[in-house]
Amino acid sequence: MIGPNGEKRPNDVIANAVLAARIATGEVEEEYVDPGRQNRGRLGACARADSLTPERRREIATSSGTT
């Protein structure tokens, strides 16, 4: 299974908890597939926000999150 940022994580809940603890204590360093991915995501978010009308932004902000 691949995590949300492309990192590989175990499917087993306990193994994933152990990995999270090792990352938190510094025993293991988490590696990402593409370090620039986060920056490109921010650029896309800014571009989307700039293209939305104030009314649409208000609709998105007040929606309950369900479609």
C-alpha atoms as a PDB file:
ATOM      1  CA  MET A   1       0.000   0.000   0.000  1.00  0.00           C
ATOM      2  CA  ILE A   2       1.223   3.499  -0.754  1.00  0.00           C
ATOM      3  CA  GLY A   3       0.459   6.369   1.602  1.00  0.00           C
ATOM      4  CA  PRO A   4      -1.042   9.738   0.691  1.00  0.00           C
ATOM      5  CA  ASN A   5       2.329  11.254  -0.200  1.00  0.00           C
ATOM      6  CA  GLY A   6       3.651   8.225  -2.055  1.00  0.00           C
ATOM      7  CA  GLU A   7       5.397   6.703   0.950  1.00  0.00           C
ATOM      8  CA  LYS A   8       5.270   2.973   1.483  1.00  0.00           C
ATOM      9  CA  ARG A   9       3.553   1.885   4.664  1.00  0.00           C
ATOM     10  CA  PRO A  10       2.572  -1.535   5.985  1.00  0.00           C
ATOM     11  CA  ASN A  11      -1.016  -2.701   5.575  1.00  0.00           C
ATOM     12  CA  ASP A  12      -1.016  -4.246   9.043  1.00  0.00           C
ATOM     13  CA  VAL A  13      -2.286  -1.843  11.715  1.00  0.00           C
ATOM     14  CA  ILE A  14       0.249  -2.924  14.341  1.00  0.00           C
ATOM     15  CA  ALA A  15       3.183  -2.813  11.912  1.00  0.00           C
ATOM     16  CA  ASN A  16       2.068   0.643  10.819  1.00  0.00           C
ATOM     17  CA  ALA A  17       1.910   1.775  14.472  1.00  0.00           C
ATOM     18  CA  VAL A  18       5.429   0.450  15.065  1.00  0.00           C
ATOM     19  CA  LEU A  19       6.659   2.282  11.957  1.00  0.00           C
ATOM     20  CA  ALA A  20       4.973   5.504  13.113  1.00  0.00           C
ATOM     21  CA  ALA A  21       6.687   5.179  16.507  1.00  0.00           C
ATOM     22  CA  ARG A  22      10.067   4.602  14.857  1.00  0.00           C
ATOM     23  CA  ILE A  23       9.558   7.658  12.645  1.00  0.00           C
ATOM     24  CA  ALA A  24       8.543   9.745  15.681  1.00  0.00           C
ATOM     25  CA  THR A  25      11.641   8.685  17.642  1.00  0.00           C
ATOM     26  CA  GLY A  26      13.967   9.226  14.713  1.00  0.00           C
ATOM     27  CA  GLU A  27      14.982   5.578  14.264  1.00  0.00           C
ATOM     28  CA  VAL A  28      13.613   5.545  10.705  1.00  0.00           C
ATOM     29  CA  GLU A  29      13.433   8.406   8.256  1.00  0.00           C
ATOM     30  CA  GLU A  30      10.359   8.613   6.082  1.00  0.00           C
ATOM     31  CA  GLU A  31      11.157   8.865   2.376  1.00  0.00           C
ATOM     32  CA  TYR A  32       8.950  10.525  -0.189  1.00  0.00           C
ATOM     33  CA  VAL A  33       8.774   9.710  -3.871  1.00  0.00           C
ATOM     34  CA  ASP A  34       8.940  13.338  -5.007  1.00  0.00           C
ATOM     35  CA  PRO A  35       9.876  16.095  -2.535  1.00  0.00           C
ATOM     36  CA  GLY A  36       8.611  18.820  -4.903  1.00  0.00           C
ATOM     37  CA  ARG A  37       5.125  17.349  -4.931  1.00  0.00           C
ATOM     38  CA  GLN A  38       4.038  19.361  -1.901  1.00  0.00           C
ATOM     39  CA  ASN A  39       5.146  22.628  -3.504  1.00  0.00           C
ATOM     40  CA  ARG A  40       3.273  21.856  -6.716  1.00  0.00           C
ATOM     41  CA  GLY A  41       0.168  21.097  -4.670  1.00  0.00           C
ATOM     42  CA  ARG A  42       0.379  24.476  -2.992  1.00  0.00           C
ATOM     43  CA  LEU A  43       0.784  26.209  -6.332  1.00  0.00           C
ATOM     44  CA  GLY A  44      -2.276  24.400  -7.671  1.00  0.00           C
ATOM     45  CA  ALA A  45      -4.309  25.327  -4.600  1.00  0.00           C
ATOM     46  CA  CYS A  46      -3.374  28.990  -4.990  1.00  0.00           C
ATOM     47  CA  ALA A  47      -4.228  28.928  -8.690  1.00  0.00           C
ATOM     48  CA  ARG A  48      -7.606  27.349  -7.940  1.00  0.00           C
ATOM     49  CA  ALA A  49      -8.360  29.897  -5.219  1.00  0.00           C
ATOM     50  CA  ASP A  50      -7.486  32.749  -7.574  1.00  0.00           C
ATOM     51  CA  SER A  51      -9.805  31.387 -10.268  1.00  0.00           C
ATOM     52  CA  LEU A  52     -12.841  30.985  -7.972  1.00  0.00           C
ATOM     53  CA  THR A  53     -15.354  33.757  -7.505  1.00  0.00           C
ATOM     54  CA  PRO A  54     -15.963  35.014  -3.957  1.00  0.00           C
ATOM     55  CA  GLU A  55     -19.468  33.510  -4.070  1.00  0.00           C
ATOM     56  CA  ARG A  56     -18.131  30.074  -5.043  1.00  0.00           C
ATOM     57  CA  ARG A  57     -15.471  30.206  -2.323  1.00  0.00           C
ATOM     58  CA  ARG A  58     -18.211  31.019   0.174  1.00  0.00           C
ATOM     59  CA  GLU A  59     -20.274  28.046  -1.062  1.00  0.00           C
ATOM     60  CA  ILE A  60     -17.306  25.711  -0.672  1.00  0.00           C
ATOM     61  CA  ALA A  61     -16.498  27.046   2.808  1.00  0.00           C
ATOM     62  CA  THR A  62     -20.052  26.698   4.091  1.00  0.00           C
ATOM     63  CA  SER A  63     -20.800  23.293   2.530  1.00  0.00           C
ATOM     64  CA  SER A  64     -21.041  20.313   4.846  1.00  0.00           C
ATOM     65  CA  GLY A  65     -18.450  18.382   2.859  1.00  0.00           C
ATOM     66  CA  THR A  66     -20.912  15.892   1.416  1.00  0.00           C
ATOM     67  CA  THR A  67     -21.743  15.700  -2.242  1.00  0.00           C
END
